[in-house]
C-alpha atoms as a PDB file:
ATOM      1  CA  UNK A   1       0.000   0.000   0.000  1.00  0.00           C
ATOM      2  CA  UNK A   2       1.196   3.516  -0.764  1.00  0.00           C
ATOM      3  CA  UNK A   3       2.220   5.557   2.239  1.00  0.00           C
ATOM      4  CA  UNK A   4       0.752   9.054   2.587  1.00  0.00           C
ATOM      5  CA  UNK A   5       1.506  11.670   5.215  1.00  0.00           C
ATOM      6  CA  UNK A   6      -1.193  14.362   5.137  1.00  0.00           C
ATOM      7  CA  UNK A   7      -0.344  17.904   6.157  1.00  0.00           C
ATOM      8  CA  UNK A   8      -3.009  19.471   8.374  1.00  0.00           C
ATOM      9  CA  UNK A   9      -4.866  22.433   6.912  1.00  0.00           C
ATOM     10  CA  UNK A  10      -3.506  21.822   3.408  1.00  0.00           C
ATOM     11  CA  UNK A  11      -5.893  22.440   0.509  1.00  0.00           C
ATOM     12  CA  UNK A  12      -4.972  19.499  -1.687  1.00  0.00           C
ATOM     13  CA  UNK A  13      -6.496  21.075  -4.790  1.00  0.00           C
ATOM     14  CA  UNK A  14      -5.130  24.619  -4.509  1.00  0.00           C
ATOM     15  CA  UNK A  15      -1.573  24.732  -3.286  1.00  0.00           C
ATOM     16  CA  UNK A  16       1.809  26.243  -3.938  1.00  0.00           C
ATOM     17  CA  UNK A  17       5.147  25.714  -2.261  1.00  0.00           C
ATOM     18  CA  UNK A  18       8.818  26.311  -2.944  1.00  0.00           C
ATOM     19  CA  UNK A  19      10.388  22.966  -3.763  1.00  0.00           C
ATOM     20  CA  UNK A  20      14.069  22.192  -3.949  1.00  0.00           C
ATOM     21  CA  UNK A  21      14.644  18.581  -4.851  1.00  0.00           C
ATOM     22  CA  UNK A  22      16.838  16.180  -6.757  1.00  0.00           C
ATOM     23  CA  UNK A  23      15.259  14.647  -9.817  1.00  0.00           C
ATOM     24  CA  UNK A  24      15.894  13.397 -13.322  1.00  0.00           C
ATOM     25  CA  UNK A  25      14.567  15.221 -16.387  1.00  0.00           C
ATOM     26  CA  UNK A  26      13.155  12.841 -19.015  1.00  0.00           C
ATOM     27  CA  UNK A  27      11.783  13.173 -22.557  1.00  0.00           C
ATOM     28  CA  UNK A  28      11.498  11.161 -25.770  1.00  0.00           C
ATOM     29  CA  UNK A  29      12.347   7.459 -25.643  1.00  0.00           C
ATOM     30  CA  UNK A  30      13.843   7.954 -22.163  1.00  0.00           C
ATOM     31  CA  UNK A  31      10.284   8.392 -20.874  1.00  0.00           C
ATOM     32  CA  UNK A  32       9.557   4.775 -21.764  1.00  0.00           C
ATOM     33  CA  UNK A  33      12.863   3.509 -20.417  1.00  0.00           C
ATOM     34  CA  UNK A  34      12.492   5.272 -17.069  1.00  0.00           C
ATOM     35  CA  UNK A  35       8.748   5.337 -16.410  1.00  0.00           C
ATOM     36  CA  UNK A  36       7.678   1.942 -17.780  1.00  0.00           C
ATOM     37  CA  UNK A  37      10.778  -0.265 -17.723  1.00  0.00           C
ATOM     38  CA  UNK A  38      12.524   1.440 -14.804  1.00  0.00           C
ATOM     39  CA  UNK A  39       9.498   2.341 -12.692  1.00  0.00           C
ATOM     40  CA  UNK A  40       6.209   0.552 -13.351  1.00  0.00           C
ATOM     41  CA  UNK A  41       7.766  -2.825 -14.138  1.00  0.00           C
ATOM     42  CA  UNK A  42       9.748  -2.829 -10.892  1.00  0.00           C
ATOM     43  CA  UNK A  43       6.830  -2.149  -8.543  1.00  0.00           C
ATOM     44  CA  UNK A  44       6.642  -4.320  -5.433  1.00  0.00           C
ATOM     45  CA  UNK A  45       3.813  -2.794  -3.406  1.00  0.00           C
ATOM     46  CA  UNK A  46       1.684  -0.313  -5.343  1.00  0.00           C
ATOM     47  CA  UNK A  47       1.229   1.554  -8.614  1.00  0.00           C
ATOM     48  CA  UNK A  48      -0.966   4.650  -8.807  1.00  0.00           C
ATOM     49  CA  UNK A  49      -1.480   6.187 -12.258  1.00  0.00           C
ATOM     50  CA  UNK A  50      -3.202   9.511 -13.006  1.00  0.00           C
ATOM     51  CA  UNK A  51      -3.906  10.379 -16.631  1.00  0.00           C
ATOM     52  CA  UNK A  52      -6.392  12.259 -18.774  1.00  0.00           C
ATOM     53  CA  UNK A  53      -6.433   9.605 -21.516  1.00  0.00           C
ATOM     54  CA  UNK A  54      -5.984   5.829 -21.392  1.00  0.00           C
ATOM     55  CA  UNK A  55      -5.065   4.001 -24.599  1.00  0.00           C
ATOM     56  CA  UNK A  56      -3.415   0.732 -25.534  1.00  0.00           C
ATOM     57  CA  UNK A  57       0.272   0.933 -24.723  1.00  0.00           C
ATOM     58  CA  UNK A  58       2.739  -1.611 -26.074  1.00  0.00           C
ATOM     59  CA  UNK A  59       5.878  -2.470 -24.136  1.00  0.00           C
ATOM     60  CA  UNK A  60       8.757  -4.911 -24.342  1.00  0.00           C
ATOM     61  CA  UNK A  61       7.652  -8.309 -23.017  1.00  0.00           C
ATOM     62  CA  UNK A  62      10.424 -10.899 -23.458  1.00  0.00           C
ATOM     63  CA  UNK A  63       9.080 -14.291 -24.480  1.00  0.00           C
ATOM     64  CA  UNK A  64       6.083 -12.978 -26.417  1.00  0.00           C
ATOM     65  CA  UNK A  65       6.763 -14.080 -29.988  1.00  0.00           C
ATOM     66  CA  UNK A  66       9.597 -12.939 -32.183  1.00  0.00           C
ATOM     67  CA  UNK A  67       9.161  -9.265 -31.419  1.00  0.00           C
ATOM     68  CA  UNK A  68       8.839  -9.659 -27.662  1.00  0.00           C
ATOM     69  CA  UNK A  69       6.237  -6.881 -27.503  1.00  0.00           C
ATOM     70  CA  UNK A  70       2.874  -6.948 -25.725  1.00  0.00           C
ATOM     71  CA  UNK A  71       0.185  -4.860 -24.076  1.00  0.00           C
ATOM     72  CA  UNK A  72       0.974  -3.018 -20.858  1.00  0.00           C
ATOM     73  CA  UNK A  73      -2.194  -4.663 -19.511  1.00  0.00           C
ATOM     74  CA  UNK A  74      -0.287  -7.939 -19.434  1.00  0.00           C
ATOM     75  CA  UNK A  75       2.333  -6.318 -17.216  1.00  0.00           C
ATOM     76  CA  UNK A  76      -0.409  -4.978 -14.940  1.00  0.00           C
ATOM     77  CA  UNK A  77      -1.814  -8.509 -14.675  1.00  0.00           C
ATOM     78  CA  UNK A  78       1.634  -9.799 -13.716  1.00  0.00           C
ATOM     79  CA  UNK A  79       1.980  -7.086 -11.073  1.00  0.00           C
ATOM     80  CA  UNK A  80      -1.434  -7.932  -9.642  1.00  0.00           C
ATOM     81  CA  UNK A  81      -0.461 -11.606  -9.467  1.00  0.00           C
ATOM     82  CA  UNK A  82       2.546 -10.537  -7.374  1.00  0.00           C
ATOM     83  CA  UNK A  83       0.275  -8.695  -4.940  1.00  0.00           C
ATOM     84  CA  UNK A  84       0.865  -5.144  -6.207  1.00  0.00           C
ATOM     85  CA  UNK A  85      -1.997  -2.696  -5.596  1.00  0.00           C
ATOM     86  CA  UNK A  86      -3.074  -1.062  -8.894  1.00  0.00           C
ATOM     87  CA  UNK A  87      -5.069   2.181  -9.174  1.00  0.00           C
ATOM     88  CA  UNK A  88      -5.855   4.048 -12.390  1.00  0.00           C
ATOM     89  CA  UNK A  89      -7.397   7.528 -12.107  1.00  0.00           C
ATOM     90  CA  UNK A  90      -8.526   8.829 -15.497  1.00  0.00           C
ATOM     91  CA  UNK A  91     -10.727  11.413 -17.207  1.00  0.00           C
ATOM     92  CA  UNK A  92     -11.720   9.863 -20.532  1.00  0.00           C
ATOM     93  CA  UNK A  93     -13.141   6.403 -21.134  1.00  0.00           C
ATOM     94  CA  UNK A  94     -10.288   4.011 -21.997  1.00  0.00           C
ATOM     95  CA  UNK A  95      -9.871   3.254 -25.695  1.00  0.00           C
ATOM     96  CA  UNK A  96     -11.511   0.189 -27.226  1.00  0.00           C
ATOM     97  CA  UNK A  97      -8.174  -1.586 -27.664  1.00  0.00           C
ATOM     98  CA  UNK A  98      -7.262  -0.982 -24.023  1.00  0.00           C
ATOM     99  CA  UNK A  99     -10.670  -2.231 -22.886  1.00  0.00           C
ATOM    100  CA  UNK A 100     -10.324  -5.332 -25.060  1.00  0.00           C
ATOM    101  CA  UNK A 101      -6.917  -6.098 -23.544  1.00  0.00           C
ATOM    102  CA  UNK A 102      -8.289  -5.438 -20.055  1.00  0.00           C
ATOM    103  CA  UNK A 103     -11.225  -7.800 -20.535  1.00  0.00           C
ATOM    104  CA  UNK A 104      -8.856 -10.634 -21.412  1.00  0.00           C
ATOM    105  CA  UNK A 105      -7.599 -10.627 -17.810  1.00  0.00           C
ATOM    106  CA  UNK A 106     -10.413 -11.729 -15.448  1.00  0.00           C
ATOM    107  CA  UNK A 107      -8.345 -10.999 -12.338  1.00  0.00           C
ATOM    108  CA  UNK A 108      -8.032  -7.345 -13.369  1.00  0.00           C
ATOM    109  CA  UNK A 109     -11.727  -7.117 -14.276  1.00  0.00           C
ATOM    110  CA  UNK A 110     -12.676  -8.457 -10.831  1.00  0.00           C
ATOM    111  CA  UNK A 111     -10.847  -5.627  -9.095  1.00  0.00           C
ATOM    112  CA  UNK A 112      -7.181  -6.314  -9.605  1.00  0.00           C
ATOM    113  CA  UNK A 113      -6.970  -3.034 -11.518  1.00  0.00           C
ATOM    114  CA  UNK A 114      -9.044  -0.470  -9.650  1.00  0.00           C
ATOM    115  CA  UNK A 115     -10.306   2.326 -11.913  1.00  0.00           C
ATOM    116  CA  UNK A 116     -11.875   5.673 -11.076  1.00  0.00           C
ATOM    117  CA  UNK A 117     -13.111   8.142 -13.717  1.00  0.00           C
ATOM    118  CA  UNK A 118     -13.210  11.887 -13.055  1.00  0.00           C
ATOM    119  CA  UNK A 119     -13.684  14.359 -15.947  1.00  0.00           C
ATOM    120  CA  UNK A 120     -11.583  16.987 -14.153  1.00  0.00           C
ATOM    121  CA  UNK A 121      -8.435  14.856 -14.004  1.00  0.00           C
ATOM    122  CA  UNK A 122      -5.785  16.278 -16.287  1.00  0.00           C
ATOM    123  CA  UNK A 123      -2.688  15.579 -14.177  1.00  0.00           C
ATOM    124  CA  UNK A 124      -0.244  12.944 -15.378  1.00  0.00           C
ATOM    125  CA  UNK A 125       1.599  11.018 -12.712  1.00  0.00           C
ATOM    126  CA  UNK A 126       2.920   7.531 -12.009  1.00  0.00           C
ATOM    127  CA  UNK A 127       3.619   6.693  -8.358  1.00  0.00           C
ATOM    128  CA  UNK A 128       5.415   3.453  -7.554  1.00  0.00           C
ATOM    129  CA  UNK A 129       5.543   1.938  -4.057  1.00  0.00           C
ATOM    130  CA  UNK A 130       4.780   5.330  -2.529  1.00  0.00           C
ATOM    131  CA  UNK A 131       8.450   6.193  -2.960  1.00  0.00           C
ATOM    132  CA  UNK A 132       9.035   6.948  -6.662  1.00  0.00           C
ATOM    133  CA  UNK A 133       7.268   9.592  -8.737  1.00  0.00           C
ATOM    134  CA  UNK A 134       6.963  10.615 -12.365  1.00  0.00           C
ATOM    135  CA  UNK A 135       5.298  13.948 -13.091  1.00  0.00           C
ATOM    136  CA  UNK A 136       5.056  15.292 -16.611  1.00  0.00           C
ATOM    137  CA  UNK A 137       3.002  15.851 -19.727  1.00  0.00           C
ATOM    138  CA  UNK A 138       2.619  12.254 -20.947  1.00  0.00           C
ATOM    139  CA  UNK A 139      -0.719  10.474 -20.764  1.00  0.00           C
ATOM    140  CA  UNK A 140      -0.917   6.708 -20.210  1.00  0.00           C
ATOM    141  CA  UNK A 141      -0.959   6.047 -23.953  1.00  0.00           C
ATOM    142  CA  UNK A 142       1.308   4.515 -26.566  1.00  0.00           C
ATOM    143  CA  UNK A 143       2.224   7.906 -28.004  1.00  0.00           C
ATOM    144  CA  UNK A 144       2.966   9.231 -24.540  1.00  0.00           C
ATOM    145  CA  UNK A 145       4.754   6.426 -22.694  1.00  0.00           C
ATOM    146  CA  UNK A 146       4.833   3.475 -25.078  1.00  0.00           C
ATOM    147  CA  UNK A 147       7.298   2.119 -27.598  1.00  0.00           C
ATOM    148  CA  UNK A 148       6.304   4.211 -30.604  1.00  0.00           C
ATOM    149  CA  UNK A 149       9.190   5.172 -32.866  1.00  0.00           C
ATOM    150  CA  UNK A 150      10.965   8.477 -32.420  1.00  0.00           C
ATOM    151  CA  UNK A 151       9.214   9.838 -35.523  1.00  0.00           C
ATOM    152  CA  UNK A 152       5.749   8.911 -34.172  1.00  0.00           C
ATOM    153  CA  UNK A 153       5.770   9.505 -30.423  1.00  0.00           C
ATOM    154  CA  UNK A 154       4.430  12.709 -28.892  1.00  0.00           C
ATOM    155  CA  UNK A 155       6.806  15.423 -27.770  1.00  0.00           C
ATOM    156  CA  UNK A 156       6.575  14.947 -24.002  1.00  0.00           C
ATOM    157  CA  UNK A 157       8.676  15.836 -20.999  1.00  0.00           C
ATOM    158  CA  UNK A 158       8.708  15.433 -17.246  1.00  0.00           C
ATOM    159  CA  UNK A 159      10.840  14.468 -14.293  1.00  0.00           C
ATOM    160  CA  UNK A 160      11.384  11.570 -11.928  1.00  0.00           C
ATOM    161  CA  UNK A 161      12.060  12.036  -8.251  1.00  0.00           C
ATOM    162  CA  UNK A 162      11.972  10.335  -4.864  1.00  0.00           C
ATOM    163  CA  UNK A 163      11.431  13.606  -2.995  1.00  0.00           C
ATOM    164  CA  UNK A 164       9.244  12.879   0.039  1.00  0.00           C
ATOM    165  CA  UNK A 165       7.377  16.200   0.089  1.00  0.00           C
ATOM    166  CA  UNK A 166       6.413  16.026  -3.578  1.00  0.00           C
ATOM    167  CA  UNK A 167       5.371  12.404  -3.165  1.00  0.00           C
ATOM    168  CA  UNK A 168       3.239  13.248  -0.144  1.00  0.00           C
ATOM    169  CA  UNK A 169       1.447  16.104  -1.896  1.00  0.00           C
ATOM    170  CA  UNK A 170       0.829  14.276  -5.167  1.00  0.00           C
ATOM    171  CA  UNK A 171      -0.353  11.117  -3.386  1.00  0.00           C
ATOM    172  CA  UNK A 172      -2.630  13.120  -1.105  1.00  0.00           C
ATOM    173  CA  UNK A 173      -4.226  14.877  -4.091  1.00  0.00           C
ATOM    174  CA  UNK A 174      -4.638  11.575  -5.945  1.00  0.00           C
ATOM    175  CA  UNK A 175      -6.175   9.974  -2.849  1.00  0.00           C
ATOM    176  CA  UNK A 176      -8.518  12.929  -2.335  1.00  0.00           C
ATOM    177  CA  UNK A 177      -9.925  12.615  -5.853  1.00  0.00           C
ATOM    178  CA  UNK A 178     -10.054   8.819  -5.530  1.00  0.00           C
ATOM    179  CA  UNK A 179     -12.111   9.055  -2.353  1.00  0.00           C
ATOM    180  CA  UNK A 180     -14.477  11.622  -3.866  1.00  0.00           C
ATOM    181  CA  UNK A 181     -13.440  14.474  -1.601  1.00  0.00           C
ATOM    182  CA  UNK A 182     -14.303  17.248  -4.112  1.00  0.00           C
ATOM    183  CA  UNK A 183     -17.439  15.557  -5.474  1.00  0.00           C
ATOM    184  CA  UNK A 184     -20.028  17.156  -3.189  1.00  0.00           C
ATOM    185  CA  UNK A 185     -19.299  20.684  -4.420  1.00  0.00           C
ATOM    186  CA  UNK A 186     -18.173  19.807  -7.968  1.00  0.00           C
ATOM    187  CA  UNK A 187     -19.968  21.789 -10.694  1.00  0.00           C
ATOM    188  CA  UNK A 188     -19.517  18.905 -13.155  1.00  0.00           C
ATOM    189  CA  UNK A 189     -21.215  16.326 -10.967  1.00  0.00           C
ATOM    190  CA  UNK A 190     -24.284  16.068 -13.214  1.00  0.00           C
ATOM    191  CA  UNK A 191     -22.167  15.110 -16.224  1.00  0.00           C
ATOM    192  CA  UNK A 192     -19.756  12.881 -14.291  1.00  0.00           C
ATOM    193  CA  UNK A 193     -20.099   9.167 -15.098  1.00  0.00           C
ATOM    194  CA  UNK A 194     -18.648   8.128 -11.724  1.00  0.00           C
ATOM    195  CA  UNK A 195     -19.420  10.664  -8.942  1.00  0.00           C
ATOM    196  CA  UNK A 196     -18.350   9.896  -5.398  1.00  0.00           C
ATOM    197  CA  UNK A 197     -15.483   7.848  -4.015  1.00  0.00           C
ATOM    198  CA  UNK A 198     -14.187   4.627  -5.492  1.00  0.00           C
ATOM    199  CA  UNK A 199     -16.529   1.699  -4.781  1.00  0.00           C
ATOM    200  CA  UNK A 200     -15.781  -1.101  -7.239  1.00  0.00           C
ATOM    201  CA  UNK A 201     -13.929  -1.759 -10.474  1.00  0.00           C
ATOM    202  CA  UNK A 202     -16.367  -2.728 -13.243  1.00  0.00           C
ATOM    203  CA  UNK A 203     -14.993  -3.614 -16.639  1.00  0.00           C
ATOM    204  CA  UNK A 204     -14.380  -0.423 -18.595  1.00  0.00           C
ATOM    205  CA  UNK A 205     -16.126  -2.127 -21.498  1.00  0.00           C
ATOM    206  CA  UNK A 206     -19.241  -2.544 -19.360  1.00  0.00           C
ATOM    207  CA  UNK A 207     -18.956   1.090 -18.337  1.00  0.00           C
ATOM    208  CA  UNK A 208     -18.682   2.280 -21.931  1.00  0.00           C
ATOM    209  CA  UNK A 209     -21.801   4.392 -21.985  1.00  0.00           C
ATOM    210  CA  UNK A 210     -22.096   8.070 -22.957  1.00  0.00           C
ATOM    211  CA  UNK A 211     -22.219  10.607 -20.159  1.00  0.00           C
ATOM    212  CA  UNK A 212     -25.107  13.143 -20.096  1.00  0.00           C
ATOM    213  CA  UNK A 213     -24.510  16.072 -22.434  1.00  0.00           C
ATOM    214  CA  UNK A 214     -23.016  19.173 -20.864  1.00  0.00           C
ATOM    215  CA  UNK A 215     -25.287  22.180 -20.630  1.00  0.00           C
END
């Protein structure tokens, strides 16, 4: 389980502080190498992902055919089998290809991959074991964090750090949204497909229904 230390009186959704920390700047192919291969794949306790968009994301999977490439959902299934807690906080409905890959893993469908949709989520973060953090521009998509060629991938950037204060603040904000803390006063509640705190993890394919039109 991720470890969070909450600061008293802190507004998780409106904050500013002077941060001096050690981190690693990443962009291009290095995003994949550091965030997926060096971070996500090495999780032992927990993985929390925040993203606006969720799309199929192909990664290196040794042993899978000649190319050794497979869906990131397979890696998530492996992590779940090892007892890693998986949370995915997202704004848009996952793509059809991601949902199809997800539905091929019953253990994930039954709650192994917990998913919470909030239309106001636009932050991009990957938190591993409550001790390692990626913050940047890349969504959880193939063009953002996957293995797309250098002439196809998005132009993204970000940084990786193990700074405790940044980790605490980002995890606390993630947890606040996950638990539905801002839902009661949210002005988008009537168009939100999943208001309130996380309750269960239905298949994203089963949840693939249009939200009410915005007024």
